[in-house]
Amino acid sequence: MPRVLGALDSASLWASSLAIPVLADRVRHERRSDFDSRDGKLMTLFACSKMLRPYAHLEDPRQEPARRMAEQVVKELQAG
């Protein structure tokens, strides 16, 4: 269970930093072990889904990076 919580923390931190791309990249780099795990991928999708829900603010600068990341992670999960 702790691995899931660490992955959730990392995904939440990354999602919160998406408006500042350099910071978001740093979070992904610094916590790559969380993001590379299956739990990390699932938590990244969870964080993306919170920003991409139907009633999200269309002007949110985090939406497009979140959409791209969600597509990438889905492909990675499907590939196994």
Protein backbone atom coordinates (compact mmCIF):
# COMPACT_ATOMS: atom_id res chain seq x y z
CA MET A 1 0.00 0.00 0.00
CA PRO A 2 2.74 2.58 0.73
CA ARG A 3 3.94 2.39 -2.89
CA VAL A 4 0.48 3.43 -4.07
CA LEU A 5 0.48 6.36 -1.67
CA GLY A 6 3.91 7.49 -2.86
CA ALA A 7 2.73 7.23 -6.46
CA LEU A 8 -0.39 9.26 -5.62
CA ASP A 9 1.72 11.94 -3.93
CA SER A 10 4.02 12.14 -6.95
CA ALA A 11 1.16 12.26 -9.44
CA SER A 12 -0.61 14.96 -7.44
CA LEU A 13 2.55 17.04 -7.20
CA TRP A 14 3.15 16.65 -10.93
CA ALA A 15 -0.45 17.61 -11.78
CA SER A 16 -0.27 20.68 -9.55
CA SER A 17 2.91 21.82 -11.29
CA LEU A 18 1.69 21.40 -14.89
CA ALA A 19 1.13 25.14 -15.35
CA ILE A 20 4.92 25.51 -15.00
CA PRO A 21 6.33 22.97 -17.50
CA VAL A 22 9.92 23.14 -16.19
CA LEU A 23 8.71 22.30 -12.70
CA ALA A 24 6.46 19.48 -13.95
CA ASP A 25 9.42 17.99 -15.85
CA ARG A 26 11.56 18.19 -12.73
CA VAL A 27 8.93 16.43 -10.63
CA ARG A 28 8.74 13.61 -13.20
CA HIS A 29 12.52 13.35 -13.26
CA GLU A 30 13.03 13.46 -9.49
CA ARG A 31 10.26 10.94 -8.82
CA ARG A 32 10.64 8.77 -11.91
CA SER A 33 10.70 5.58 -9.87
CA ASP A 34 7.13 6.33 -8.79
CA PHE A 35 6.01 7.22 -12.31
CA ASP A 36 7.63 4.17 -13.91
CA SER A 37 5.68 1.72 -11.75
CA ARG A 38 2.23 0.45 -12.66
CA ASP A 39 0.87 2.18 -9.55
CA GLY A 40 2.50 5.40 -10.73
CA LYS A 41 0.92 5.14 -14.15
CA LEU A 42 -2.51 4.51 -12.64
CA MET A 43 -2.16 7.41 -10.22
CA THR A 44 -1.00 9.65 -13.09
CA LEU A 45 -4.19 8.74 -14.97
CA PHE A 46 -6.20 9.49 -11.84
CA ALA A 47 -4.56 12.92 -11.52
CA CYS A 48 -5.15 13.63 -15.21
CA SER A 49 -8.79 12.59 -14.99
CA LYS A 50 -9.40 15.14 -12.27
CA MET A 51 -8.28 17.91 -14.65
CA LEU A 52 -10.03 16.54 -17.73
CA ARG A 53 -13.49 15.92 -16.31
CA PRO A 54 -16.44 17.36 -18.26
CA TYR A 55 -16.95 20.36 -15.98
CA ALA A 56 -13.28 21.40 -15.81
CA HIS A 57 -12.31 24.96 -16.64
CA LEU A 58 -11.49 25.15 -20.34
CA GLU A 59 -8.90 27.89 -19.74
CA ASP A 60 -6.89 25.74 -17.32
CA PRO A 61 -3.35 25.63 -18.80
CA ARG A 62 -2.87 22.16 -17.30
CA GLN A 63 -5.52 20.54 -19.49
CA GLU A 64 -3.52 20.02 -22.68
CA PRO A 65 -0.40 18.59 -20.95
CA ALA A 66 -2.69 16.36 -18.86
CA ARG A 67 -4.48 15.14 -21.99
CA ARG A 68 -1.18 14.30 -23.71
CA MET A 69 0.12 12.50 -20.63
CA ALA A 70 -3.10 10.52 -20.22
CA GLU A 71 -2.87 9.33 -23.83
CA GLN A 72 0.77 8.34 -23.36
CA VAL A 73 0.13 6.46 -20.12
CA VAL A 74 -2.84 4.58 -21.59
CA LYS A 75 -0.60 3.41 -24.45
CA GLU A 76 2.10 2.32 -21.98
CA LEU A 77 -0.40 0.39 -19.88
CA GLN A 78 -1.90 -1.29 -22.94
CA ALA A 79 1.57 -2.32 -24.12
CA GLY A 80 2.09 -4.07 -20.79
